[in-house]
Amino acid sequence: MGKLSQRCEGIVLRHSDYGEADRILSLLTREHGLKKGFARSARNSRKRFGSALEPFTQAIFHWREGRGTLWSLQEAEPINLRFGLRKDFALLALASYGVELVELLLEEGEPQPQIYAILNSFLDYLDSGGEPRVARLLLELRLVYLLGYMPHLLHCSECLVIFKQDDSIRFDIGRGGSLCQACAHGSGTAIAVGTVGSLARSLRVSPEQFGGFAFSSKTLQEALLIFAAILQSILPRMPKSLKFLN
């Protein structure tokens, strides 16, 4: 008896060509988390796959168990092809960074429905012409928070004093995050209390919301430094797409 065909919703993170016509895909699925799939004759079969195997595409994938953890993909029904991402170099670069970041942060085969929803919203926001710097800040913030890597923000990580609006503070990920001047002793990077306040307030809204945010240039610049330090401390390697993005 052949293996039963199953289906699930997913996003194509990346693909690589194999042999003369096959394709191997990395997917983030709603039900199963990160998965890899083998699409036989994908480059020759418009009927079974069409354009649904391109990066950033959201689709329904029909699959069977393959060798080991590799799925055997049978066909795909596109939900959202996100053509808008391929029309703007900056949006394409950021979308590439976003999907690579998710793949680096997650373990294969562990369901992460909330992160799936966030990535979907992030790509939709970019596809509609959203502000790239806002999208990046919110994606990094939410991934770090939901995966349990968020450092101390609104109080000193060492003496636990709660910051006031006019305090001078510093950020050092090696020492747990935000530091008051008395504890910092000059280490870390100087940041504004307003920056960490904006980050904390952004976590109070739905994690799937990307539109409607307004951050100052200073907040965007300092947040970039904060999350660069956090991600460098937790990732197995820095995303290859980061050079392309920068």
C-alpha atoms as a PDB file:
ATOM      1  CA  MET A   1       0.000   0.000   0.000  1.00  0.00           C
ATOM      2  CA  GLY A   2       1.396   3.431  -0.958  1.00  0.00           C
ATOM      3  CA  LYS A   3       1.949   6.147   1.564  1.00  0.00           C
ATOM      4  CA  LEU A   4      -1.050   8.390   2.165  1.00  0.00           C
ATOM      5  CA  SER A   5      -0.963  11.895   0.760  1.00  0.00           C
ATOM      6  CA  GLN A   6      -1.317  14.746   3.248  1.00  0.00           C
ATOM      7  CA  ARG A   7      -1.650  18.514   2.877  1.00  0.00           C
ATOM      8  CA  CYS A   8      -0.682  21.589   4.821  1.00  0.00           C
ATOM      9  CA  GLU A   9      -0.231  25.330   4.410  1.00  0.00           C
ATOM     10  CA  GLY A  10       3.292  26.680   4.130  1.00  0.00           C
ATOM     11  CA  ILE A  11       5.673  29.397   2.955  1.00  0.00           C
ATOM     12  CA  VAL A  12       8.623  28.724   0.660  1.00  0.00           C
ATOM     13  CA  LEU A  13      11.772  29.972   2.381  1.00  0.00           C
ATOM     14  CA  ARG A  14      14.235  28.942  -0.321  1.00  0.00           C
ATOM     15  CA  HIS A  15      14.839  26.312  -2.967  1.00  0.00           C
ATOM     16  CA  SER A  16      17.733  24.672  -4.763  1.00  0.00           C
ATOM     17  CA  ASP A  17      17.742  22.839  -8.074  1.00  0.00           C
ATOM     18  CA  TYR A  18      18.673  19.169  -8.050  1.00  0.00           C
ATOM     19  CA  GLY A  19      19.588  17.147 -11.115  1.00  0.00           C
ATOM     20  CA  GLU A  20      18.026  18.099 -14.422  1.00  0.00           C
ATOM     21  CA  ALA A  21      14.476  18.855 -13.284  1.00  0.00           C
ATOM     22  CA  ASP A  22      14.022  18.294  -9.538  1.00  0.00           C
ATOM     23  CA  ARG A  23      13.940  20.860  -6.759  1.00  0.00           C
ATOM     24  CA  ILE A  24      14.572  20.759  -2.990  1.00  0.00           C
ATOM     25  CA  LEU A  25      12.623  23.243  -0.865  1.00  0.00           C
ATOM     26  CA  SER A  26      12.842  24.633   2.643  1.00  0.00           C
ATOM     27  CA  LEU A  27       9.354  25.375   3.947  1.00  0.00           C
ATOM     28  CA  LEU A  28       7.857  26.929   7.045  1.00  0.00           C
ATOM     29  CA  THR A  29       4.512  25.195   7.518  1.00  0.00           C
ATOM     30  CA  ARG A  30       1.661  26.142   9.811  1.00  0.00           C
ATOM     31  CA  GLU A  31       1.195  22.665  11.270  1.00  0.00           C
ATOM     32  CA  HIS A  32       4.683  21.131  11.195  1.00  0.00           C
ATOM     33  CA  GLY A  33       7.151  24.025  11.481  1.00  0.00           C
ATOM     34  CA  LEU A  34      10.305  23.907   9.374  1.00  0.00           C
ATOM     35  CA  LYS A  35      10.355  21.100   6.814  1.00  0.00           C
ATOM     36  CA  LYS A  36      12.321  20.175   3.715  1.00  0.00           C
ATOM     37  CA  GLY A  37      10.615  18.753   0.641  1.00  0.00           C
ATOM     38  CA  PHE A  38      11.694  17.100  -2.596  1.00  0.00           C
ATOM     39  CA  ALA A  39       9.698  18.072  -5.683  1.00  0.00           C
ATOM     40  CA  ARG A  40      10.398  15.588  -8.468  1.00  0.00           C
ATOM     41  CA  SER A  41      10.348  17.065 -11.995  1.00  0.00           C
ATOM     42  CA  ALA A  42       9.275  20.406 -10.490  1.00  0.00           C
ATOM     43  CA  ARG A  43      10.955  22.460 -13.219  1.00  0.00           C
ATOM     44  CA  ASN A  44       9.123  20.541 -15.929  1.00  0.00           C
ATOM     45  CA  SER A  45       5.655  20.379 -14.357  1.00  0.00           C
ATOM     46  CA  ARG A  46       3.645  23.605 -14.598  1.00  0.00           C
ATOM     47  CA  LYS A  47       0.447  21.691 -13.871  1.00  0.00           C
ATOM     48  CA  ARG A  48       1.551  20.257 -10.498  1.00  0.00           C
ATOM     49  CA  PHE A  49       3.519  23.211  -9.141  1.00  0.00           C
ATOM     50  CA  GLY A  50       3.347  26.241 -11.432  1.00  0.00           C
ATOM     51  CA  SER A  51       4.964  29.237  -9.708  1.00  0.00           C
ATOM     52  CA  ALA A  52       4.186  27.948  -6.211  1.00  0.00           C
ATOM     53  CA  LEU A  53       7.763  26.862  -5.471  1.00  0.00           C
ATOM     54  CA  GLU A  54       9.297  30.344  -5.649  1.00  0.00           C
ATOM     55  CA  PRO A  55      10.627  31.933  -2.433  1.00  0.00           C
ATOM     56  CA  PHE A  56       8.105  33.861  -0.285  1.00  0.00           C
ATOM     57  CA  THR A  57       5.116  32.066  -1.857  1.00  0.00           C
ATOM     58  CA  GLN A  58       2.320  30.943   0.467  1.00  0.00           C
ATOM     59  CA  ALA A  59       0.659  27.742  -0.752  1.00  0.00           C
ATOM     60  CA  ILE A  60      -1.119  24.517   0.144  1.00  0.00           C
ATOM     61  CA  PHE A  61       1.373  21.670  -0.266  1.00  0.00           C
ATOM     62  CA  HIS A  62       0.371  18.052  -0.913  1.00  0.00           C
ATOM     63  CA  TRP A  63       3.038  15.665   0.346  1.00  0.00           C
ATOM     64  CA  ARG A  64       3.907  12.115   1.312  1.00  0.00           C
ATOM     65  CA  GLU A  65       6.529  10.815   3.713  1.00  0.00           C
ATOM     66  CA  GLY A  66       9.864  10.442   1.937  1.00  0.00           C
ATOM     67  CA  ARG A  67      13.322   9.391   3.027  1.00  0.00           C
ATOM     68  CA  GLY A  68      14.065  10.324   6.616  1.00  0.00           C
ATOM     69  CA  THR A  69      12.507  13.700   7.381  1.00  0.00           C
ATOM     70  CA  LEU A  70      12.423  14.788   3.729  1.00  0.00           C
ATOM     71  CA  TRP A  71       8.900  15.151   2.349  1.00  0.00           C
ATOM     72  CA  SER A  72       7.990  14.013  -1.135  1.00  0.00           C
ATOM     73  CA  LEU A  73       5.996  16.930  -2.563  1.00  0.00           C
ATOM     74  CA  GLN A  74       3.192  15.903  -4.926  1.00  0.00           C
ATOM     75  CA  GLU A  75       1.690  19.254  -5.924  1.00  0.00           C
ATOM     76  CA  ALA A  76       1.109  22.789  -4.655  1.00  0.00           C
ATOM     77  CA  GLU A  77      -1.839  25.172  -4.754  1.00  0.00           C
ATOM     78  CA  PRO A  78      -0.690  28.820  -4.532  1.00  0.00           C
ATOM     79  CA  ILE A  79      -2.451  31.127  -2.088  1.00  0.00           C
ATOM     80  CA  ASN A  80      -0.271  34.220  -2.437  1.00  0.00           C
ATOM     81  CA  LEU A  81       2.627  34.473  -4.916  1.00  0.00           C
ATOM     82  CA  ARG A  82       3.734  37.918  -3.639  1.00  0.00           C
ATOM     83  CA  PHE A  83       4.918  39.228  -6.986  1.00  0.00           C
ATOM     84  CA  GLY A  84       5.356  42.694  -5.453  1.00  0.00           C
ATOM     85  CA  LEU A  85       8.478  41.558  -3.595  1.00  0.00           C
ATOM     86  CA  ARG A  86      10.264  40.902  -6.879  1.00  0.00           C
ATOM     87  CA  LYS A  87       9.675  44.408  -8.213  1.00  0.00           C
ATOM     88  CA  ASP A  88      11.699  46.295  -5.610  1.00  0.00           C
ATOM     89  CA  PHE A  89      15.333  45.490  -4.802  1.00  0.00           C
ATOM     90  CA  ALA A  90      15.149  46.743  -1.194  1.00  0.00           C
ATOM     91  CA  LEU A  91      11.992  44.754  -0.428  1.00  0.00           C
ATOM     92  CA  LEU A  92      13.458  41.624  -2.043  1.00  0.00           C
ATOM     93  CA  ALA A  93      16.611  41.960   0.053  1.00  0.00           C
ATOM     94  CA  LEU A  94      14.655  42.358   3.285  1.00  0.00           C
ATOM     95  CA  ALA A  95      12.290  39.481   2.481  1.00  0.00           C
ATOM     96  CA  SER A  96      15.331  37.258   1.833  1.00  0.00           C
ATOM     97  CA  TYR A  97      16.810  38.289   5.173  1.00  0.00           C
ATOM     98  CA  GLY A  98      13.519  37.653   6.990  1.00  0.00           C
ATOM     99  CA  VAL A  99      13.024  34.098   5.758  1.00  0.00           C
ATOM    100  CA  GLU A 100      16.681  33.203   6.353  1.00  0.00           C
ATOM    101  CA  LEU A 101      16.509  34.601   9.884  1.00  0.00           C
ATOM    102  CA  VAL A 102      13.450  32.461  10.667  1.00  0.00           C
ATOM    103  CA  GLU A 103      15.144  29.356   9.278  1.00  0.00           C
ATOM    104  CA  LEU A 104      18.253  29.963  11.400  1.00  0.00           C
ATOM    105  CA  LEU A 105      16.283  30.543  14.604  1.00  0.00           C
ATOM    106  CA  LEU A 106      13.912  27.559  14.456  1.00  0.00           C
ATOM    107  CA  GLU A 107      14.470  23.842  14.939  1.00  0.00           C
ATOM    108  CA  GLU A 108      13.200  21.600  12.149  1.00  0.00           C
ATOM    109  CA  GLY A 109       9.913  19.804  12.773  1.00  0.00           C
ATOM    110  CA  GLU A 110       8.740  21.891  15.758  1.00  0.00           C
ATOM    111  CA  PRO A 111       5.357  23.564  15.112  1.00  0.00           C
ATOM    112  CA  GLN A 112       5.534  27.345  15.482  1.00  0.00           C
ATOM    113  CA  PRO A 113       2.100  28.613  14.371  1.00  0.00           C
ATOM    114  CA  GLN A 114       2.574  32.093  15.842  1.00  0.00           C
ATOM    115  CA  ILE A 115       5.911  32.594  14.092  1.00  0.00           C
ATOM    116  CA  TYR A 116       4.349  31.272  10.886  1.00  0.00           C
ATOM    117  CA  ALA A 117       1.635  33.928  11.213  1.00  0.00           C
ATOM    118  CA  ILE A 118       4.219  36.656  11.900  1.00  0.00           C
ATOM    119  CA  LEU A 119       6.325  35.729   8.869  1.00  0.00           C
ATOM    120  CA  ASN A 120       3.190  35.672   6.718  1.00  0.00           C
ATOM    121  CA  SER A 121       2.211  39.158   7.907  1.00  0.00           C
ATOM    122  CA  PHE A 122       5.785  40.446   7.472  1.00  0.00           C
ATOM    123  CA  LEU A 123       5.879  39.264   3.835  1.00  0.00           C
ATOM    124  CA  ASP A 124       2.378  40.620   3.152  1.00  0.00           C
ATOM    125  CA  TYR A 125       3.392  43.997   4.583  1.00  0.00           C
ATOM    126  CA  LEU A 126       6.476  44.159   2.364  1.00  0.00           C
ATOM    127  CA  ASP A 127       4.522  42.923  -0.659  1.00  0.00           C
ATOM    128  CA  SER A 128       2.129  45.854  -0.209  1.00  0.00           C
ATOM    129  CA  GLY A 129       5.014  48.351  -0.171  1.00  0.00           C
ATOM    130  CA  GLY A 130       5.498  48.669   3.592  1.00  0.00           C
ATOM    131  CA  GLU A 131       8.328  50.606   5.249  1.00  0.00           C
ATOM    132  CA  PRO A 132      11.377  48.271   5.246  1.00  0.00           C
ATOM    133  CA  ARG A 133      13.051  49.618   8.408  1.00  0.00           C
ATOM    134  CA  VAL A 134       9.842  49.284  10.432  1.00  0.00           C
ATOM    135  CA  ALA A 135       9.259  45.774   9.097  1.00  0.00           C
ATOM    136  CA  ARG A 136      12.756  44.658  10.041  1.00  0.00           C
ATOM    137  CA  LEU A 137      12.573  46.111  13.551  1.00  0.00           C
ATOM    138  CA  LEU A 138       9.202  44.485  14.279  1.00  0.00           C
ATOM    139  CA  LEU A 139      10.208  41.103  12.848  1.00  0.00           C
ATOM    140  CA  GLU A 140      13.443  40.937  14.848  1.00  0.00           C
ATOM    141  CA  LEU A 141      11.736  42.188  18.005  1.00  0.00           C
ATOM    142  CA  ARG A 142       8.933  39.635  17.830  1.00  0.00           C
ATOM    143  CA  LEU A 143      11.141  36.669  16.949  1.00  0.00           C
ATOM    144  CA  VAL A 144      13.539  37.430  19.804  1.00  0.00           C
ATOM    145  CA  TYR A 145      10.647  37.899  22.246  1.00  0.00           C
ATOM    146  CA  LEU A 146       8.612  34.831  21.276  1.00  0.00           C
ATOM    147  CA  LEU A 147      11.639  32.530  21.294  1.00  0.00           C
ATOM    148  CA  GLY A 148      12.609  33.660  24.791  1.00  0.00           C
ATOM    149  CA  TYR A 149      15.749  35.678  24.026  1.00  0.00           C
ATOM    150  CA  MET A 150      14.518  39.136  25.004  1.00  0.00           C
ATOM    151  CA  PRO A 151      17.029  40.942  27.272  1.00  0.00           C
ATOM    152  CA  HIS A 152      16.186  43.459  30.007  1.00  0.00           C
ATOM    153  CA  LEU A 153      14.882  46.687  28.493  1.00  0.00           C
ATOM    154  CA  LEU A 154      13.124  49.069  30.901  1.00  0.00           C
ATOM    155  CA  HIS A 155      15.233  48.363  33.981  1.00  0.00           C
ATOM    156  CA  CYS A 156      18.893  47.760  34.707  1.00  0.00           C
ATOM    157  CA  SER A 157      19.791  44.117  34.207  1.00  0.00           C
ATOM    158  CA  GLU A 158      22.091  44.174  37.251  1.00  0.00           C
ATOM    159  CA  CYS A 159      20.639  46.438  39.971  1.00  0.00           C
ATOM    160  CA  LEU A 160      17.065  46.245  38.556  1.00  0.00           C
ATOM    161  CA  VAL A 161      16.393  49.968  38.955  1.00  0.00           C
ATOM    162  CA  ILE A 162      13.532  51.115  36.706  1.00  0.00           C
ATOM    163  CA  PHE A 163      14.619  53.809  34.282  1.00  0.00           C
ATOM    164  CA  LYS A 164      13.137  57.304  34.167  1.00  0.00           C
ATOM    165  CA  GLN A 165      12.583  59.148  30.904  1.00  0.00           C
ATOM    166  CA  ASP A 166      15.629  61.411  31.258  1.00  0.00           C
ATOM    167  CA  ASP A 167      18.073  58.707  32.451  1.00  0.00           C
ATOM    168  CA  SER A 168      21.256  57.958  30.517  1.00  0.00           C
ATOM    169  CA  ILE A 169      21.560  54.213  29.906  1.00  0.00           C
ATOM    170  CA  ARG A 170      23.696  51.761  27.975  1.00  0.00           C
ATOM    171  CA  PHE A 171      23.044  48.386  26.338  1.00  0.00           C
ATOM    172  CA  ASP A 172      25.342  45.380  26.691  1.00  0.00           C
ATOM    173  CA  ILE A 173      23.936  42.007  25.609  1.00  0.00           C
ATOM    174  CA  GLY A 174      26.795  40.206  27.366  1.00  0.00           C
ATOM    175  CA  ARG A 175      25.546  41.637  30.666  1.00  0.00           C
ATOM    176  CA  GLY A 176      21.841  41.007  30.124  1.00  0.00           C
ATOM    177  CA  GLY A 177      20.698  44.087  28.200  1.00  0.00           C
ATOM    178  CA  SER A 178      20.057  47.619  29.489  1.00  0.00           C
ATOM    179  CA  LEU A 179      22.322  49.028  32.193  1.00  0.00           C
ATOM    180  CA  CYS A 180      22.167  52.151  34.318  1.00  0.00           C
ATOM    181  CA  GLN A 181      25.229  54.395  34.243  1.00  0.00           C
ATOM    182  CA  ALA A 182      26.272  53.332  37.749  1.00  0.00           C
ATOM    183  CA  CYS A 183      26.406  49.654  36.768  1.00  0.00           C
ATOM    184  CA  ALA A 184      27.643  50.072  33.195  1.00  0.00           C
ATOM    185  CA  HIS A 185      31.038  51.620  34.042  1.00  0.00           C
ATOM    186  CA  GLY A 186      31.304  52.692  30.404  1.00  0.00           C
ATOM    187  CA  SER A 187      30.657  49.276  28.832  1.00  0.00           C
ATOM    188  CA  GLY A 188      28.135  48.684  26.067  1.00  0.00           C
ATOM    189  CA  THR A 189      26.488  51.172  23.733  1.00  0.00           C
ATOM    190  CA  ALA A 190      24.724  54.373  24.765  1.00  0.00           C
ATOM    191  CA  ILE A 191      20.992  54.279  23.941  1.00  0.00           C
ATOM    192  CA  ALA A 192      17.966  56.407  24.757  1.00  0.00           C
ATOM    193  CA  VAL A 193      15.332  55.354  27.280  1.00  0.00           C
ATOM    194  CA  GLY A 194      12.826  56.318  24.596  1.00  0.00           C
ATOM    195  CA  THR A 195      14.202  53.588  22.322  1.00  0.00           C
ATOM    196  CA  VAL A 196      13.712  50.742  24.798  1.00  0.00           C
ATOM    197  CA  GLY A 197      10.337  52.236  25.724  1.00  0.00           C
ATOM    198  CA  SER A 198       9.222  52.113  22.092  1.00  0.00           C
ATOM    199  CA  LEU A 199      10.343  48.487  21.803  1.00  0.00           C
ATOM    200  CA  ALA A 200       8.451  47.500  24.951  1.00  0.00           C
ATOM    201  CA  ARG A 201       5.272  49.288  23.820  1.00  0.00           C
ATOM    202  CA  SER A 202       5.445  47.572  20.424  1.00  0.00           C
ATOM    203  CA  LEU A 203       5.101  44.205  22.134  1.00  0.00           C
ATOM    204  CA  ARG A 204       1.659  45.165  23.510  1.00  0.00           C
ATOM    205  CA  VAL A 205      -0.081  45.016  20.109  1.00  0.00           C
ATOM    206  CA  SER A 206      -0.877  41.948  18.012  1.00  0.00           C
ATOM    207  CA  PRO A 207       2.385  40.365  16.816  1.00  0.00           C
ATOM    208  CA  GLU A 208       0.847  40.045  13.359  1.00  0.00           C
ATOM    209  CA  GLN A 209       0.358  43.818  12.996  1.00  0.00           C
ATOM    210  CA  PHE A 210       3.005  45.625  10.945  1.00  0.00           C
ATOM    211  CA  GLY A 211       1.117  48.653   9.660  1.00  0.00           C
ATOM    212  CA  GLY A 212       0.409  51.799  11.673  1.00  0.00           C
ATOM    213  CA  PHE A 213       3.768  52.101  13.468  1.00  0.00           C
ATOM    214  CA  ALA A 214       5.856  55.271  13.504  1.00  0.00           C
ATOM    215  CA  PHE A 215       9.381  55.190  14.931  1.00  0.00           C
ATOM    216  CA  SER A 216      11.857  58.046  15.071  1.00  0.00           C
ATOM    217  CA  SER A 217      15.097  57.794  13.092  1.00  0.00           C
ATOM    218  CA  LYS A 218      16.978  57.553  16.384  1.00  0.00           C
ATOM    219  CA  THR A 219      14.859  54.627  17.578  1.00  0.00           C
ATOM    220  CA  LEU A 220      15.317  52.793  14.274  1.00  0.00           C
ATOM    221  CA  GLN A 221      19.067  53.342  14.357  1.00  0.00           C
ATOM    222  CA  GLU A 222      19.524  52.280  17.969  1.00  0.00           C
ATOM    223  CA  ALA A 223      17.191  49.289  17.602  1.00  0.00           C
ATOM    224  CA  LEU A 224      19.306  48.114  14.673  1.00  0.00           C
ATOM    225  CA  LEU A 225      22.375  48.055  16.959  1.00  0.00           C
ATOM    226  CA  ILE A 226      20.460  46.348  19.786  1.00  0.00           C
ATOM    227  CA  PHE A 227      19.131  43.506  17.647  1.00  0.00           C
ATOM    228  CA  ALA A 228      22.405  43.063  15.789  1.00  0.00           C
ATOM    229  CA  ALA A 229      24.022  42.343  19.167  1.00  0.00           C
ATOM    230  CA  ILE A 230      21.208  40.023  20.306  1.00  0.00           C
ATOM    231  CA  LEU A 231      21.131  38.015  17.078  1.00  0.00           C
ATOM    232  CA  GLN A 232      24.899  37.698  16.963  1.00  0.00           C
ATOM    233  CA  SER A 233      24.744  36.138  20.441  1.00  0.00           C
ATOM    234  CA  ILE A 234      22.065  33.534  19.615  1.00  0.00           C
ATOM    235  CA  LEU A 235      22.438  32.589  15.937  1.00  0.00           C
ATOM    236  CA  PRO A 236      24.638  29.696  14.791  1.00  0.00           C
ATOM    237  CA  ARG A 237      25.897  32.058  12.068  1.00  0.00           C
ATOM    238  CA  MET A 238      24.911  35.455  10.743  1.00  0.00           C
ATOM    239  CA  PRO A 239      22.502  35.353   7.767  1.00  0.00           C
ATOM    240  CA  LYS A 240      24.220  35.359   4.386  1.00  0.00           C
ATOM    241  CA  SER A 241      21.514  37.704   3.118  1.00  0.00           C
ATOM    242  CA  LEU A 242      22.594  40.333   5.667  1.00  0.00           C
ATOM    243  CA  LYS A 243      25.474  41.460   3.409  1.00  0.00           C
ATOM    244  CA  PHE A 244      23.051  41.645   0.501  1.00  0.00           C
ATOM    245  CA  LEU A 245      20.618  43.646   2.648  1.00  0.00           C
ATOM    246  CA  ASN A 246      23.246  46.092   3.883  1.00  0.00           C
END
